[in-house]
Amino acid sequence: MTDQERPLLELPDGADKLLLHSCCAPCSGEVMEAIHASGINYSIFFYNPNIHPKREYELRKEENISFAEKHNIEFIDADYDTDNWFERIKGLEMEPERGERCTKCFDMRFERTALYAQENGFPVITSCLGISRWKNMEQINDCGKRAASRYDGMTYWDFNWRKAGGSQRMIEISKREEFYQQEYCGCIYSLRDTNDHRLSQGRERIKIGVQYYTADKSE
């Protein structure tokens, strides 16, 4: 889909500036291009202290930085404060994916996003997290709205990035750009559980920095 074919998006409440929380290039690729095609003024906020190990974190961040630079979009690199993250989810180590641990994780990341937005004049925040079919969109939106409600006049934009082919374009862009294809959500417990499942199926453990999307060279 070309920029001319994309439906134009509008920020809620007539806002003119957006802060996009991003977790990685594959999830944010379609979101970034859709926002860009609509002429919306936005910046990327990268705050993901959940991602483990550090090498995985750096892979996801550097790829997201490169894609942002390609589109001339401001990239805000927040602190990798893993100690605070582990403290935040203490006691929830055995929670399943999409459970209370994920809620606490989203809350922490969105609270930091909203704080930065408040301090730097962004009236609207949103996230690309919900474009992934592995995520609970309602859970993510609830966390985003809760974070935004801390500040007068701030809105969490709960746009459904999956609709109108968004999820498919996410994959198409990832293949076009040959993005790093992470094989688990990001945290140490997601890595643990994913590896346990893989081993139960007779598969090897995840190898960090190995799997990449492949472009279709026949097109």
N, C-alpha and C. Protein backbone atom coordinates (compact mmCIF):
# COMPACT_ATOMS: atom_id res chain seq x y z
N MET A 1 0.84 -1.19 0.00
CA MET A 1 0.00 0.00 0.00
C MET A 1 0.88 1.25 0.00
N THR A 2 0.58 2.17 -0.90
CA THR A 2 1.34 3.41 -0.96
C THR A 2 0.77 4.41 0.05
N ASP A 3 1.55 5.47 0.33
CA ASP A 3 1.06 6.49 1.25
C ASP A 3 -0.22 7.11 0.74
N GLN A 4 -0.36 7.25 -0.58
CA GLN A 4 -1.55 7.86 -1.14
C GLN A 4 -2.80 6.99 -0.93
N GLU A 5 -2.61 5.67 -0.80
CA GLU A 5 -3.73 4.75 -0.64
C GLU A 5 -4.14 4.57 0.81
N ARG A 6 -3.31 4.96 1.74
CA ARG A 6 -3.62 4.80 3.15
C ARG A 6 -4.72 5.77 3.59
N PRO A 7 -5.63 5.31 4.45
CA PRO A 7 -6.61 6.24 5.01
C PRO A 7 -5.90 7.21 5.94
N LEU A 8 -6.30 8.47 5.90
CA LEU A 8 -5.68 9.47 6.74
C LEU A 8 -6.14 9.32 8.19
N LEU A 9 -5.19 9.38 9.10
CA LEU A 9 -5.49 9.27 10.52
C LEU A 9 -5.52 10.66 11.14
N GLU A 10 -6.30 10.81 12.18
CA GLU A 10 -6.37 12.07 12.91
C GLU A 10 -6.21 11.80 14.39
N LEU A 11 -5.40 12.61 15.05
CA LEU A 11 -5.23 12.46 16.49
C LEU A 11 -6.51 12.85 17.21
N PRO A 12 -6.79 12.24 18.35
CA PRO A 12 -8.00 12.61 19.10
C PRO A 12 -7.92 14.04 19.63
N ASP A 13 -9.10 14.62 19.79
CA ASP A 13 -9.25 15.94 20.41
C ASP A 13 -8.53 17.05 19.64
N GLY A 14 -8.29 16.83 18.35
CA GLY A 14 -7.64 17.85 17.55
C GLY A 14 -6.19 18.13 17.91
N ALA A 15 -5.54 17.17 18.58
CA ALA A 15 -4.14 17.34 18.99
C ALA A 15 -3.23 17.40 17.77
N ASP A 16 -2.06 18.01 17.95
CA ASP A 16 -1.14 18.18 16.82
C ASP A 16 0.22 17.53 17.07
N LYS A 17 0.34 16.73 18.13
CA LYS A 17 1.62 16.14 18.47
C LYS A 17 1.41 14.83 19.20
N LEU A 18 2.23 13.82 18.86
CA LEU A 18 2.04 12.47 19.39
C LEU A 18 3.35 11.88 19.87
N LEU A 19 3.30 11.17 21.00
CA LEU A 19 4.46 10.42 21.48
C LEU A 19 4.12 8.93 21.35
N LEU A 20 4.88 8.24 20.51
CA LEU A 20 4.64 6.83 20.23
C LEU A 20 5.61 5.96 21.03
N HIS A 21 5.07 5.20 21.98
CA HIS A 21 5.90 4.24 22.68
C HIS A 21 6.16 3.06 21.74
N SER A 22 7.43 2.71 21.56
CA SER A 22 7.79 1.62 20.66
C SER A 22 8.56 0.55 21.42
N CYS A 23 8.27 -0.71 21.07
CA CYS A 23 8.96 -1.83 21.70
C CYS A 23 10.01 -2.45 20.78
N CYS A 24 9.84 -2.26 19.46
CA CYS A 24 10.77 -2.84 18.50
C CYS A 24 10.40 -2.35 17.10
N ALA A 25 11.30 -2.56 16.16
CA ALA A 25 11.05 -2.14 14.78
C ALA A 25 9.92 -2.92 14.11
N PRO A 26 9.86 -4.26 14.24
CA PRO A 26 8.78 -4.98 13.57
C PRO A 26 7.38 -4.51 13.98
N CYS A 27 7.18 -4.29 15.28
CA CYS A 27 5.85 -3.86 15.74
C CYS A 27 5.57 -2.42 15.37
N SER A 28 6.59 -1.57 15.33
CA SER A 28 6.36 -0.16 15.08
C SER A 28 6.39 0.22 13.61
N GLY A 29 6.91 -0.66 12.74
CA GLY A 29 7.06 -0.31 11.34
C GLY A 29 5.79 0.16 10.67
N GLU A 30 4.72 -0.62 10.76
CA GLU A 30 3.45 -0.25 10.14
C GLU A 30 2.86 0.97 10.83
N VAL A 31 2.96 1.02 12.16
CA VAL A 31 2.42 2.15 12.91
C VAL A 31 3.11 3.44 12.50
N MET A 32 4.43 3.40 12.42
CA MET A 32 5.20 4.58 12.02
C MET A 32 4.84 5.04 10.62
N GLU A 33 4.74 4.11 9.69
CA GLU A 33 4.45 4.50 8.31
C GLU A 33 3.02 5.02 8.15
N ALA A 34 2.09 4.46 8.94
CA ALA A 34 0.71 4.95 8.88
C ALA A 34 0.61 6.36 9.45
N ILE A 35 1.31 6.60 10.55
CA ILE A 35 1.31 7.94 11.15
C ILE A 35 1.99 8.94 10.22
N HIS A 36 3.11 8.53 9.66
CA HIS A 36 3.86 9.39 8.75
C HIS A 36 3.03 9.76 7.53
N ALA A 37 2.31 8.78 6.99
CA ALA A 37 1.49 9.01 5.79
C ALA A 37 0.37 10.01 6.06
N SER A 38 -0.02 10.13 7.33
CA SER A 38 -1.10 11.06 7.70
C SER A 38 -0.58 12.44 8.06
N GLY A 39 0.73 12.62 7.98
CA GLY A 39 1.31 13.92 8.25
C GLY A 39 1.28 14.33 9.71
N ILE A 40 1.20 13.34 10.60
CA ILE A 40 1.14 13.62 12.04
C ILE A 40 2.55 13.86 12.59
N ASN A 41 2.70 14.88 13.38
CA ASN A 41 3.97 15.19 14.03
C ASN A 41 4.14 14.27 15.24
N TYR A 42 5.16 13.43 15.20
CA TYR A 42 5.32 12.48 16.31
C TYR A 42 6.79 12.17 16.57
N SER A 43 7.05 11.65 17.77
CA SER A 43 8.37 11.19 18.17
C SER A 43 8.23 9.79 18.76
N ILE A 44 9.31 9.04 18.73
CA ILE A 44 9.31 7.68 19.27
C ILE A 44 9.94 7.69 20.66
N PHE A 45 9.30 6.99 21.58
CA PHE A 45 9.81 6.87 22.94
C PHE A 45 10.12 5.39 23.19
N PHE A 46 11.40 5.09 23.39
CA PHE A 46 11.81 3.70 23.59
C PHE A 46 12.15 3.48 25.06
N TYR A 47 11.23 2.85 25.75
CA TYR A 47 11.43 2.52 27.17
C TYR A 47 10.93 1.11 27.41
N ASN A 48 11.85 0.17 27.47
CA ASN A 48 11.50 -1.25 27.58
C ASN A 48 12.50 -1.99 28.48
N PRO A 49 12.48 -1.69 29.78
CA PRO A 49 13.43 -2.32 30.70
C PRO A 49 13.14 -3.80 30.95
N ASN A 50 12.04 -4.28 30.39
CA ASN A 50 11.69 -5.69 30.52
C ASN A 50 12.53 -6.59 29.62
N ILE A 51 13.08 -6.05 28.54
CA ILE A 51 13.74 -6.89 27.54
C ILE A 51 15.04 -7.48 28.08
N HIS A 52 15.16 -8.78 27.95
CA HIS A 52 16.30 -9.54 28.48
C HIS A 52 16.71 -10.60 27.47
N PRO A 53 18.00 -10.87 27.35
CA PRO A 53 19.15 -10.24 28.00
C PRO A 53 19.50 -8.91 27.34
N LYS A 54 20.58 -8.28 27.82
CA LYS A 54 20.96 -6.97 27.32
C LYS A 54 21.22 -7.01 25.82
N ARG A 55 21.78 -8.09 25.32
CA ARG A 55 22.05 -8.19 23.88
C ARG A 55 20.75 -8.12 23.08
N GLU A 56 19.71 -8.77 23.56
CA GLU A 56 18.41 -8.72 22.89
C GLU A 56 17.87 -7.29 22.92
N TYR A 57 18.01 -6.64 24.05
CA TYR A 57 17.57 -5.25 24.19
C TYR A 57 18.27 -4.35 23.18
N GLU A 58 19.57 -4.50 23.07
CA GLU A 58 20.34 -3.65 22.16
C GLU A 58 19.98 -3.93 20.70
N LEU A 59 19.75 -5.19 20.36
CA LEU A 59 19.35 -5.53 19.00
C LEU A 59 18.04 -4.84 18.62
N ARG A 60 17.06 -4.94 19.50
CA ARG A 60 15.76 -4.34 19.22
C ARG A 60 15.85 -2.82 19.17
N LYS A 61 16.60 -2.24 20.09
CA LYS A 61 16.70 -0.79 20.14
C LYS A 61 17.43 -0.23 18.92
N GLU A 62 18.59 -0.80 18.59
CA GLU A 62 19.39 -0.27 17.48
C GLU A 62 18.65 -0.39 16.16
N GLU A 63 17.90 -1.46 15.99
CA GLU A 63 17.14 -1.61 14.76
C GLU A 63 16.02 -0.57 14.68
N ASN A 64 15.41 -0.29 15.82
CA ASN A 64 14.36 0.72 15.86
C ASN A 64 14.94 2.11 15.60
N ILE A 65 16.14 2.37 16.12
CA ILE A 65 16.81 3.64 15.87
C ILE A 65 17.08 3.81 14.37
N SER A 66 17.58 2.77 13.74
CA SER A 66 17.90 2.83 12.31
C SER A 66 16.66 3.12 11.47
N PHE A 67 15.56 2.49 11.82
CA PHE A 67 14.32 2.70 11.06
C PHE A 67 13.79 4.11 11.29
N ALA A 68 13.93 4.62 12.51
CA ALA A 68 13.50 5.98 12.80
C ALA A 68 14.34 6.99 12.02
N GLU A 69 15.65 6.76 11.99
CA GLU A 69 16.53 7.66 11.23
C GLU A 69 16.19 7.64 9.75
N LYS A 70 15.81 6.49 9.24
CA LYS A 70 15.43 6.37 7.83
C LYS A 70 14.23 7.26 7.51
N HIS A 71 13.36 7.47 8.50
CA HIS A 71 12.16 8.28 8.31
C HIS A 71 12.31 9.68 8.92
N ASN A 72 13.53 9.99 9.40
CA ASN A 72 13.79 11.30 10.00
C ASN A 72 12.86 11.59 11.18
N ILE A 73 12.66 10.59 12.02
CA ILE A 73 11.80 10.72 13.19
C ILE A 73 12.65 10.76 14.45
N GLU A 74 12.34 11.69 15.34
CA GLU A 74 13.06 11.80 16.61
C GLU A 74 12.90 10.51 17.41
N PHE A 75 14.02 9.99 17.91
CA PHE A 75 14.01 8.77 18.71
C PHE A 75 14.50 9.10 20.11
N ILE A 76 13.65 8.90 21.10
CA ILE A 76 13.99 9.21 22.49
C ILE A 76 14.33 7.90 23.20
N ASP A 77 15.59 7.77 23.57
CA ASP A 77 16.10 6.55 24.19
C ASP A 77 16.08 6.71 25.71
N ALA A 78 15.12 6.06 26.38
CA ALA A 78 15.00 6.16 27.84
C ALA A 78 15.93 5.16 28.53
N ASP A 79 16.05 5.30 29.82
CA ASP A 79 16.98 4.46 30.58
C ASP A 79 16.56 2.99 30.58
N TYR A 80 17.57 2.13 30.65
CA TYR A 80 17.33 0.68 30.73
C TYR A 80 17.42 0.28 32.21
N ASP A 81 16.42 0.69 32.99
CA ASP A 81 16.47 0.47 34.43
C ASP A 81 15.84 -0.87 34.82
N THR A 82 16.59 -1.91 34.57
CA THR A 82 16.08 -3.27 34.82
C THR A 82 15.80 -3.53 36.29
N ASP A 83 16.60 -2.94 37.18
CA ASP A 83 16.39 -3.17 38.61
C ASP A 83 14.99 -2.74 39.03
N ASN A 84 14.55 -1.60 38.54
CA ASN A 84 13.20 -1.12 38.85
C ASN A 84 12.14 -2.06 38.27
N TRP A 85 12.42 -2.59 37.09
CA TRP A 85 11.44 -3.50 36.47
C TRP A 85 11.30 -4.77 37.30
N PHE A 86 12.41 -5.37 37.69
CA PHE A 86 12.35 -6.59 38.50
C PHE A 86 11.65 -6.34 39.83
N GLU A 87 11.86 -5.17 40.41
CA GLU A 87 11.18 -4.83 41.66
C GLU A 87 9.68 -4.69 41.43
N ARG A 88 9.32 -4.13 40.30
CA ARG A 88 7.91 -3.88 39.98
C ARG A 88 7.13 -5.19 39.83
N ILE A 89 7.75 -6.20 39.24
CA ILE A 89 7.01 -7.45 38.97
C ILE A 89 7.38 -8.56 39.97
N LYS A 90 8.04 -8.19 41.06
CA LYS A 90 8.41 -9.16 42.08
C LYS A 90 7.18 -9.91 42.60
N GLY A 91 7.28 -11.25 42.67
CA GLY A 91 6.17 -12.08 43.12
C GLY A 91 5.28 -12.56 41.99
N LEU A 92 5.51 -12.06 40.77
CA LEU A 92 4.69 -12.44 39.62
C LEU A 92 5.49 -13.24 38.59
N GLU A 93 6.61 -13.79 39.04
CA GLU A 93 7.53 -14.47 38.13
C GLU A 93 6.89 -15.67 37.42
N MET A 94 5.91 -16.30 38.04
CA MET A 94 5.30 -17.50 37.45
C MET A 94 3.96 -17.21 36.78
N GLU A 95 3.61 -15.95 36.67
CA GLU A 95 2.37 -15.59 35.98
C GLU A 95 2.47 -15.95 34.50
N PRO A 96 1.35 -16.35 33.90
CA PRO A 96 1.38 -16.67 32.46
C PRO A 96 1.41 -15.41 31.62
N GLU A 97 1.78 -15.57 30.37
CA GLU A 97 1.72 -14.46 29.41
C GLU A 97 0.31 -13.90 29.36
N ARG A 98 0.19 -12.58 29.31
CA ARG A 98 -1.07 -11.83 29.32
C ARG A 98 -1.68 -11.75 30.71
N GLY A 99 -0.96 -12.24 31.71
CA GLY A 99 -1.46 -12.20 33.09
C GLY A 99 -1.08 -10.92 33.80
N GLU A 100 -1.09 -10.97 35.13
CA GLU A 100 -0.85 -9.78 35.95
C GLU A 100 0.56 -9.24 35.78
N ARG A 101 1.53 -10.11 35.54
CA ARG A 101 2.89 -9.63 35.32
C ARG A 101 2.95 -8.69 34.12
N CYS A 102 2.26 -9.06 33.05
CA CYS A 102 2.25 -8.21 31.85
C CYS A 102 1.56 -6.88 32.13
N THR A 103 0.50 -6.91 32.93
CA THR A 103 -0.18 -5.66 33.29
C THR A 103 0.77 -4.73 34.03
N LYS A 104 1.50 -5.26 35.00
CA LYS A 104 2.47 -4.45 35.74
C LYS A 104 3.56 -3.91 34.82
N CYS A 105 3.99 -4.73 33.88
CA CYS A 105 5.03 -4.33 32.93
C CYS A 105 4.53 -3.20 32.03
N PHE A 106 3.33 -3.34 31.49
CA PHE A 106 2.77 -2.29 30.64
C PHE A 106 2.56 -1.01 31.43
N ASP A 107 2.06 -1.15 32.66
CA ASP A 107 1.85 0.02 33.51
C ASP A 107 3.14 0.80 33.67
N MET A 108 4.21 0.10 33.98
CA MET A 108 5.50 0.76 34.21
C MET A 108 5.98 1.50 32.97
N ARG A 109 5.89 0.85 31.83
CA ARG A 109 6.38 1.45 30.60
C ARG A 109 5.53 2.63 30.16
N PHE A 110 4.21 2.51 30.32
CA PHE A 110 3.33 3.61 29.93
C PHE A 110 3.39 4.78 30.91
N GLU A 111 3.60 4.49 32.19
CA GLU A 111 3.73 5.57 33.16
C GLU A 111 4.94 6.44 32.83
N ARG A 112 6.04 5.80 32.43
CA ARG A 112 7.23 6.56 32.05
C ARG A 112 6.99 7.34 30.76
N THR A 113 6.27 6.73 29.83
CA THR A 113 5.93 7.40 28.57
C THR A 113 5.08 8.63 28.84
N ALA A 114 4.07 8.46 29.69
CA ALA A 114 3.17 9.58 30.00
C ALA A 114 3.91 10.69 30.73
N LEU A 115 4.82 10.34 31.62
CA LEU A 115 5.59 11.34 32.33
C LEU A 115 6.43 12.17 31.36
N TYR A 116 7.10 11.50 30.44
CA TYR A 116 7.90 12.23 29.44
C TYR A 116 7.00 13.12 28.59
N ALA A 117 5.85 12.58 28.21
CA ALA A 117 4.91 13.36 27.40
C ALA A 117 4.47 14.62 28.13
N GLN A 118 4.16 14.47 29.40
CA GLN A 118 3.73 15.62 30.20
C GLN A 118 4.83 16.66 30.30
N GLU A 119 6.05 16.23 30.49
CA GLU A 119 7.18 17.15 30.67
C GLU A 119 7.63 17.80 29.37
N ASN A 120 7.22 17.23 28.23
CA ASN A 120 7.73 17.72 26.95
C ASN A 120 6.64 18.12 25.96
N GLY A 121 5.45 18.34 26.45
CA GLY A 121 4.41 18.94 25.62
C GLY A 121 3.75 18.03 24.61
N PHE A 122 3.65 16.74 24.91
CA PHE A 122 2.92 15.81 24.04
C PHE A 122 1.53 15.57 24.66
N PRO A 123 0.45 16.01 24.02
CA PRO A 123 -0.89 15.83 24.59
C PRO A 123 -1.45 14.44 24.38
N VAL A 124 -0.87 13.68 23.46
CA VAL A 124 -1.38 12.34 23.14
C VAL A 124 -0.23 11.33 23.14
N ILE A 125 -0.49 10.16 23.74
CA ILE A 125 0.47 9.06 23.69
C ILE A 125 -0.24 7.84 23.10
N THR A 126 0.55 6.96 22.52
CA THR A 126 0.02 5.68 22.03
C THR A 126 1.17 4.69 22.01
N SER A 127 0.89 3.46 21.60
CA SER A 127 1.92 2.42 21.55
C SER A 127 1.66 1.47 20.39
N CYS A 128 2.74 0.89 19.90
CA CYS A 128 2.62 -0.12 18.84
C CYS A 128 2.42 -1.52 19.41
N LEU A 129 2.46 -1.67 20.73
CA LEU A 129 2.37 -3.00 21.34
C LEU A 129 1.13 -3.78 20.88
N GLY A 130 0.02 -3.07 20.72
CA GLY A 130 -1.23 -3.74 20.41
C GLY A 130 -1.33 -4.31 19.01
N ILE A 131 -0.39 -4.01 18.13
CA ILE A 131 -0.49 -4.54 16.77
C ILE A 131 -0.17 -6.03 16.72
N SER A 132 0.54 -6.51 17.71
CA SER A 132 0.91 -7.93 17.74
C SER A 132 -0.28 -8.80 18.14
N ARG A 133 -0.51 -9.84 17.37
CA ARG A 133 -1.63 -10.74 17.68
C ARG A 133 -1.38 -11.55 18.94
N TRP A 134 -0.15 -11.52 19.44
CA TRP A 134 0.18 -12.25 20.66
C TRP A 134 -0.20 -11.47 21.91
N LYS A 135 -0.56 -10.20 21.74
CA LYS A 135 -0.88 -9.35 22.87
C LYS A 135 -2.39 -9.20 23.05
N ASN A 136 -2.79 -8.91 24.28
CA ASN A 136 -4.18 -8.62 24.61
C ASN A 136 -4.39 -7.13 24.46
N MET A 137 -5.08 -6.72 23.41
CA MET A 137 -5.22 -5.31 23.10
C MET A 137 -5.97 -4.57 24.20
N GLU A 138 -6.99 -5.18 24.77
CA GLU A 138 -7.75 -4.54 25.84
C GLU A 138 -6.86 -4.28 27.06
N GLN A 139 -6.01 -5.25 27.38
CA GLN A 139 -5.09 -5.11 28.50
C GLN A 139 -4.13 -3.94 28.26
N ILE A 140 -3.60 -3.85 27.05
CA ILE A 140 -2.67 -2.77 26.71
C ILE A 140 -3.37 -1.42 26.76
N ASN A 141 -4.55 -1.32 26.17
CA ASN A 141 -5.27 -0.05 26.16
C ASN A 141 -5.65 0.40 27.57
N ASP A 142 -6.04 -0.53 28.42
CA ASP A 142 -6.38 -0.18 29.80
C ASP A 142 -5.17 0.43 30.51
N CYS A 143 -4.00 -0.17 30.30
CA CYS A 143 -2.78 0.33 30.93
C CYS A 143 -2.42 1.71 30.38
N GLY A 144 -2.57 1.89 29.07
CA GLY A 144 -2.26 3.17 28.46
C GLY A 144 -3.18 4.28 28.96
N LYS A 145 -4.45 3.98 29.04
CA LYS A 145 -5.41 4.98 29.52
C LYS A 145 -5.18 5.32 30.98
N ARG A 146 -4.83 4.32 31.76
CA ARG A 146 -4.56 4.55 33.18
C ARG A 146 -3.36 5.48 33.35
N ALA A 147 -2.33 5.28 32.54
CA ALA A 147 -1.14 6.13 32.63
C ALA A 147 -1.46 7.56 32.21
N ALA A 148 -2.20 7.71 31.12
CA ALA A 148 -2.53 9.04 30.62
C ALA A 148 -3.44 9.80 31.59
N SER A 149 -4.28 9.07 32.32
CA SER A 149 -5.23 9.72 33.22
C SER A 149 -4.56 10.41 34.40
N ARG A 150 -3.27 10.17 34.58
CA ARG A 150 -2.53 10.83 35.66
C ARG A 150 -2.35 12.32 35.39
N TYR A 151 -2.51 12.73 34.14
CA TYR A 151 -2.21 14.11 33.77
C TYR A 151 -3.41 14.75 33.07
N ASP A 152 -3.76 15.93 33.53
CA ASP A 152 -4.88 16.66 32.93
C ASP A 152 -4.60 16.96 31.46
N GLY A 153 -5.58 16.70 30.63
CA GLY A 153 -5.46 17.03 29.22
C GLY A 153 -4.70 16.03 28.38
N MET A 154 -4.24 14.93 28.99
CA MET A 154 -3.50 13.92 28.21
C MET A 154 -4.44 12.79 27.80
N THR A 155 -4.24 12.30 26.57
CA THR A 155 -5.07 11.23 26.03
C THR A 155 -4.21 10.07 25.58
N TYR A 156 -4.68 8.86 25.87
CA TYR A 156 -4.07 7.67 25.29
C TYR A 156 -4.88 7.31 24.05
N TRP A 157 -4.24 7.30 22.91
CA TRP A 157 -4.90 7.00 21.64
C TRP A 157 -4.98 5.49 21.47
N ASP A 158 -6.18 4.93 21.61
CA ASP A 158 -6.36 3.48 21.55
C ASP A 158 -6.73 3.00 20.15
N PHE A 159 -6.09 3.58 19.16
CA PHE A 159 -6.35 3.18 17.77
C PHE A 159 -6.01 1.71 17.57
N ASN A 160 -6.86 1.00 16.83
CA ASN A 160 -6.63 -0.42 16.55
C ASN A 160 -5.72 -0.56 15.33
N TRP A 161 -4.43 -0.72 15.58
CA TRP A 161 -3.44 -0.79 14.50
C TRP A 161 -3.53 -2.08 13.70
N ARG A 162 -4.27 -3.05 14.20
CA ARG A 162 -4.41 -4.32 13.48
C ARG A 162 -5.42 -4.23 12.33
N LYS A 163 -6.36 -3.30 12.43
CA LYS A 163 -7.47 -3.28 11.49
C LYS A 163 -7.04 -2.82 10.10
N ALA A 164 -7.92 -3.08 9.13
CA ALA A 164 -7.69 -2.66 7.74
C ALA A 164 -6.35 -3.15 7.21
N GLY A 165 -5.97 -4.37 7.61
CA GLY A 165 -4.75 -4.98 7.08
C GLY A 165 -3.47 -4.56 7.78
N GLY A 166 -3.59 -3.87 8.91
CA GLY A 166 -2.41 -3.41 9.62
C GLY A 166 -1.47 -4.52 10.03
N SER A 167 -2.02 -5.62 10.53
CA SER A 167 -1.18 -6.74 10.97
C SER A 167 -0.41 -7.35 9.80
N GLN A 168 -1.07 -7.44 8.64
CA GLN A 168 -0.41 -7.99 7.47
C GLN A 168 0.68 -7.06 6.96
N ARG A 169 0.40 -5.75 6.97
CA ARG A 169 1.43 -4.80 6.54
C ARG A 169 2.61 -4.79 7.49
N MET A 170 2.35 -5.07 8.75
CA MET A 170 3.44 -5.18 9.72
C MET A 170 4.44 -6.26 9.27
N ILE A 171 3.92 -7.38 8.83
CA ILE A 171 4.78 -8.48 8.36
C ILE A 171 5.45 -8.10 7.04
N GLU A 172 4.70 -7.48 6.15
CA GLU A 172 5.26 -7.08 4.85
C GLU A 172 6.42 -6.11 5.02
N ILE A 173 6.25 -5.14 5.91
CA ILE A 173 7.32 -4.16 6.16
C ILE A 173 8.52 -4.84 6.80
N SER A 174 8.26 -5.75 7.72
CA SER A 174 9.35 -6.48 8.38
C SER A 174 10.16 -7.28 7.38
N LYS A 175 9.48 -7.89 6.40
CA LYS A 175 10.18 -8.64 5.36
C LYS A 175 10.93 -7.70 4.42
N ARG A 176 10.30 -6.60 4.08
CA ARG A 176 10.94 -5.62 3.20
C ARG A 176 12.22 -5.07 3.81
N GLU A 177 12.17 -4.79 5.09
CA GLU A 177 13.32 -4.22 5.80
C GLU A 177 14.26 -5.29 6.34
N GLU A 178 13.81 -6.56 6.28
CA GLU A 178 14.57 -7.69 6.84
C GLU A 178 14.93 -7.44 8.30
N PHE A 179 13.89 -7.10 9.06
CA PHE A 179 14.05 -6.83 10.48
C PHE A 179 14.46 -8.09 11.25
N TYR A 180 15.08 -7.86 12.39
CA TYR A 180 15.37 -8.94 13.34
C TYR A 180 14.05 -9.50 13.84
N GLN A 181 13.90 -10.81 13.80
CA GLN A 181 12.64 -11.46 14.16
C GLN A 181 12.76 -12.09 15.54
N GLN A 182 12.44 -11.32 16.57
CA GLN A 182 12.50 -11.85 17.92
C GLN A 182 11.47 -12.96 18.10
N GLU A 183 11.82 -13.94 18.90
CA GLU A 183 10.97 -15.13 19.01
C GLU A 183 10.30 -15.28 20.37
N TYR A 184 10.32 -14.21 21.16
CA TYR A 184 9.60 -14.22 22.44
C TYR A 184 9.28 -12.77 22.78
N CYS A 185 8.39 -12.57 23.72
CA CYS A 185 7.91 -11.24 24.04
C CYS A 185 9.05 -10.30 24.42
N GLY A 186 9.93 -10.75 25.30
CA GLY A 186 11.04 -9.88 25.67
C GLY A 186 11.63 -10.12 27.04
N CYS A 187 10.81 -10.43 28.02
CA CYS A 187 11.34 -10.53 29.38
C CYS A 187 11.94 -11.91 29.65
N ILE A 188 12.67 -12.00 30.74
CA ILE A 188 13.37 -13.23 31.10
C ILE A 188 12.40 -14.38 31.34
N TYR A 189 11.19 -14.05 31.81
CA TYR A 189 10.21 -15.09 32.09
C TYR A 189 9.52 -15.56 30.81
N SER A 190 9.32 -14.64 29.89
CA SER A 190 8.81 -15.03 28.57
C SER A 190 9.82 -15.92 27.86
N LEU A 191 11.10 -15.58 27.97
CA LEU A 191 12.15 -16.40 27.37
C LEU A 191 12.16 -17.79 27.99
N ARG A 192 12.05 -17.83 29.31
CA ARG A 192 12.00 -19.12 30.02
C ARG A 192 10.84 -19.98 29.54
N ASP A 193 9.65 -19.41 29.52
CA ASP A 193 8.45 -20.17 29.16
C ASP A 193 8.46 -20.59 27.69
N THR A 194 8.95 -19.70 26.82
CA THR A 194 9.02 -20.04 25.40
C THR A 194 10.02 -21.17 25.16
N ASN A 195 11.15 -21.11 25.83
CA ASN A 195 12.13 -22.19 25.70
C ASN A 195 11.59 -23.50 26.24
N ASP A 196 10.87 -23.45 27.35
CA ASP A 196 10.28 -24.67 27.91
C ASP A 196 9.32 -25.30 26.91
N HIS A 197 8.51 -24.44 26.26
CA HIS A 197 7.56 -24.95 25.26
C HIS A 197 8.30 -25.54 24.06
N ARG A 198 9.32 -24.86 23.61
CA ARG A 198 10.08 -25.35 22.46
C ARG A 198 10.72 -26.70 22.77
N LEU A 199 11.31 -26.83 23.94
CA LEU A 199 11.94 -28.09 24.32
C LEU A 199 10.92 -29.21 24.42
N SER A 200 9.70 -28.89 24.89
CA SER A 200 8.65 -29.91 24.99
C SER A 200 8.20 -30.39 23.62
N GLN A 201 8.45 -29.56 22.58
CA GLN A 201 8.10 -29.91 21.21
C GLN A 201 9.28 -30.47 20.43
N GLY A 202 10.38 -30.70 21.15
CA GLY A 202 11.57 -31.25 20.50
C GLY A 202 12.36 -30.23 19.70
N ARG A 203 12.17 -28.95 19.99
CA ARG A 203 12.87 -27.89 19.27
C ARG A 203 14.01 -27.34 20.12
N GLU A 204 14.93 -26.65 19.46
CA GLU A 204 16.06 -26.06 20.17
C GLU A 204 15.64 -24.80 20.91
N ARG A 205 16.45 -24.41 21.88
CA ARG A 205 16.23 -23.16 22.58
C ARG A 205 16.42 -21.98 21.62
N ILE A 206 15.85 -20.86 21.97
CA ILE A 206 15.99 -19.63 21.18
C ILE A 206 17.45 -19.21 21.14
N LYS A 207 17.90 -18.80 19.96
CA LYS A 207 19.24 -18.27 19.79
C LYS A 207 19.13 -16.77 19.50
N ILE A 208 19.67 -15.98 20.40
CA ILE A 208 19.56 -14.52 20.28
C ILE A 208 20.33 -14.02 19.06
N GLY A 209 19.69 -13.14 18.30
CA GLY A 209 20.36 -12.48 17.18
C GLY A 209 20.54 -13.33 15.94
N VAL A 210 19.75 -14.35 15.78
CA VAL A 210 19.91 -15.28 14.65
C VAL A 210 18.78 -15.16 13.63
N GLN A 211 17.54 -15.06 14.12
CA GLN A 211 16.38 -15.12 13.24
C GLN A 211 16.05 -13.75 12.65
N TYR A 212 15.91 -13.67 11.32
CA TYR A 212 15.55 -12.42 10.66
C TYR A 212 14.44 -12.68 9.65
N TYR A 213 13.59 -11.67 9.46
CA TYR A 213 12.60 -11.76 8.39
C TYR A 213 13.33 -11.76 7.05
N THR A 214 12.80 -12.49 6.09
CA THR A 214 13.44 -12.60 4.78
C THR A 214 12.54 -12.01 3.71
N ALA A 215 13.09 -11.11 2.93
CA ALA A 215 12.33 -10.52 1.84
C ALA A 215 12.09 -11.52 0.75
N ASP A 216 10.94 -11.40 0.07
CA ASP A 216 10.63 -12.28 -1.06
C ASP A 216 11.34 -11.74 -2.28
N LYS A 217 12.43 -12.35 -2.65
CA LYS A 217 13.26 -11.87 -3.76
C LYS A 217 12.61 -12.06 -5.13
N SER A 218 11.52 -12.85 -5.17
CA SER A 218 10.88 -13.13 -6.45
C SER A 218 9.98 -11.98 -6.91
N GLU A 219 9.64 -11.08 -5.95
CA GLU A 219 8.74 -9.99 -6.31
C GLU A 219 9.47 -8.91 -7.10
